[in-house]
Amino acid sequence: MLKNIFDFAKLKEQAERLKEELKRESVIGESGGGMIKVELDGTGNILNIEIEEDLFKGKDKEFIEDLLVASINDGMAKVKTLWEEKMRDHLGLLPFSGLGDLIA
């Protein structure tokens, strides 16, 4: 009886299509008022990092590292939101508590 409730093969196929679509999406995480920007694809892979040249003038290494971490975390939060939206749109799944953590 449960076999008819879920078509796991179809669900897996949809999930694979969704994953491929997410790879083509991108988000930008930033910090320091845009001084550091990190571009990530929809699966969380970092594609590019931009650091304003002025940031290197008179700033210590720890400050830059903190901004970089904040930018990556901002981008990952946006990836999680994108992932949950795509799951809802394509698979009809509502974001269950902790479901978005599967990609992080």
Protein backbone atom coordinates (compact mmCIF):
# COMPACT_ATOMS: atom_id res chain seq x y z
CA MET A 1 0.00 0.00 0.00
CA LEU A 2 2.80 2.45 0.83
CA LYS A 3 4.36 1.59 -2.52
CA ASN A 4 1.59 3.52 -4.27
CA ILE A 5 1.95 6.62 -2.08
CA PHE A 6 5.46 7.48 -3.27
CA ASP A 7 7.02 6.84 -6.64
CA PHE A 8 10.62 6.85 -5.47
CA ALA A 9 12.07 6.42 -8.97
CA LYS A 10 10.18 9.48 -10.16
CA LEU A 11 11.15 11.43 -7.04
CA LYS A 12 14.82 10.54 -7.58
CA GLU A 13 14.62 11.64 -11.22
CA GLN A 14 13.07 14.97 -10.21
CA ALA A 15 15.73 15.47 -7.55
CA GLU A 16 18.50 14.87 -10.11
CA ARG A 17 16.94 17.41 -12.49
CA LEU A 18 16.66 19.86 -9.62
CA LYS A 19 20.31 19.37 -8.72
CA GLU A 20 21.36 20.09 -12.30
CA GLU A 21 19.19 23.21 -12.35
CA LEU A 22 20.70 24.41 -9.07
CA LYS A 23 24.18 24.04 -10.55
CA ARG A 24 23.19 26.63 -13.18
CA GLU A 25 21.87 29.10 -10.57
CA SER A 26 24.13 31.43 -8.61
CA VAL A 27 23.93 33.67 -5.57
CA ILE A 28 26.23 36.37 -4.22
CA GLY A 29 27.20 36.49 -0.55
CA GLU A 30 28.80 39.69 0.63
CA SER A 31 30.14 41.48 3.67
CA GLY A 32 31.80 44.73 4.59
CA GLY A 33 29.27 46.71 2.59
CA GLY A 34 30.17 44.75 -0.54
CA MET A 35 33.93 44.92 -0.02
CA ILE A 36 34.06 41.13 -0.32
CA LYS A 37 31.72 39.20 -2.59
CA VAL A 38 31.54 35.43 -2.95
CA GLU A 39 29.62 33.84 -5.82
CA LEU A 40 28.25 30.35 -5.21
CA ASP A 41 26.26 28.02 -7.41
CA GLY A 42 22.93 26.67 -6.21
CA THR A 43 24.59 23.60 -4.69
CA GLY A 44 26.98 25.66 -2.56
CA ASN A 45 30.16 25.44 -4.62
CA ILE A 46 32.20 28.65 -4.59
CA LEU A 47 32.59 29.96 -8.14
CA ASN A 48 34.32 33.29 -7.59
CA ILE A 49 35.63 35.62 -4.88
CA GLU A 50 36.00 39.38 -5.38
CA ILE A 51 37.89 41.54 -2.88
CA GLU A 52 38.04 45.32 -3.30
CA GLU A 53 41.61 46.50 -3.75
CA ASP A 54 41.17 49.19 -1.08
CA LEU A 55 40.53 46.49 1.50
CA PHE A 56 44.22 45.54 1.41
CA LYS A 57 45.35 49.06 2.27
CA GLY A 58 45.82 49.42 6.01
CA LYS A 59 43.69 46.42 6.96
CA ASP A 60 45.00 43.52 8.93
CA LYS A 61 44.85 39.95 7.70
CA GLU A 62 42.40 38.86 10.43
CA PHE A 63 39.90 41.56 9.41
CA ILE A 64 39.93 40.37 5.79
CA GLU A 65 39.59 36.74 6.87
CA ASP A 66 36.59 37.61 9.06
CA LEU A 67 34.90 39.41 6.16
CA LEU A 68 35.57 36.47 3.85
CA VAL A 69 34.00 34.01 6.29
CA ALA A 70 30.99 36.31 6.70
CA SER A 71 30.60 36.53 2.91
CA ILE A 72 30.70 32.76 2.50
CA ASN A 73 28.17 32.27 5.30
CA ASP A 74 25.88 34.89 3.72
CA GLY A 75 26.12 33.09 0.39
CA MET A 76 25.42 29.69 1.96
CA ALA A 77 22.30 31.08 3.63
CA LYS A 78 21.13 32.31 0.21
CA VAL A 79 21.87 28.89 -1.33
CA LYS A 80 19.78 27.23 1.38
CA THR A 81 16.86 29.58 0.66
CA LEU A 82 17.19 28.97 -3.10
CA TRP A 83 17.29 25.21 -2.54
CA GLU A 84 14.15 25.28 -0.38
CA GLU A 85 12.32 27.40 -2.98
CA LYS A 86 13.27 25.00 -5.78
CA MET A 87 12.22 21.98 -3.74
CA ARG A 88 8.85 23.56 -3.12
CA ASP A 89 8.39 24.68 -6.74
CA HIS A 90 9.59 21.53 -8.51
CA LEU A 91 8.82 18.72 -6.14
CA GLY A 92 5.88 20.18 -4.26
CA LEU A 93 7.71 19.72 -0.99
CA LEU A 94 7.39 22.24 1.77
CA PRO A 95 10.64 23.04 3.56
CA PHE A 96 10.55 20.68 6.50
CA SER A 97 12.54 21.62 9.57
CA GLY A 98 16.17 20.73 8.92
CA LEU A 99 15.57 19.64 5.31
CA GLY A 100 17.65 22.53 3.99
CA ASP A 101 20.54 21.42 6.18
CA LEU A 102 21.05 18.46 3.87
CA ILE A 103 22.96 20.68 1.44
CA ALA A 104 25.08 22.49 4.00
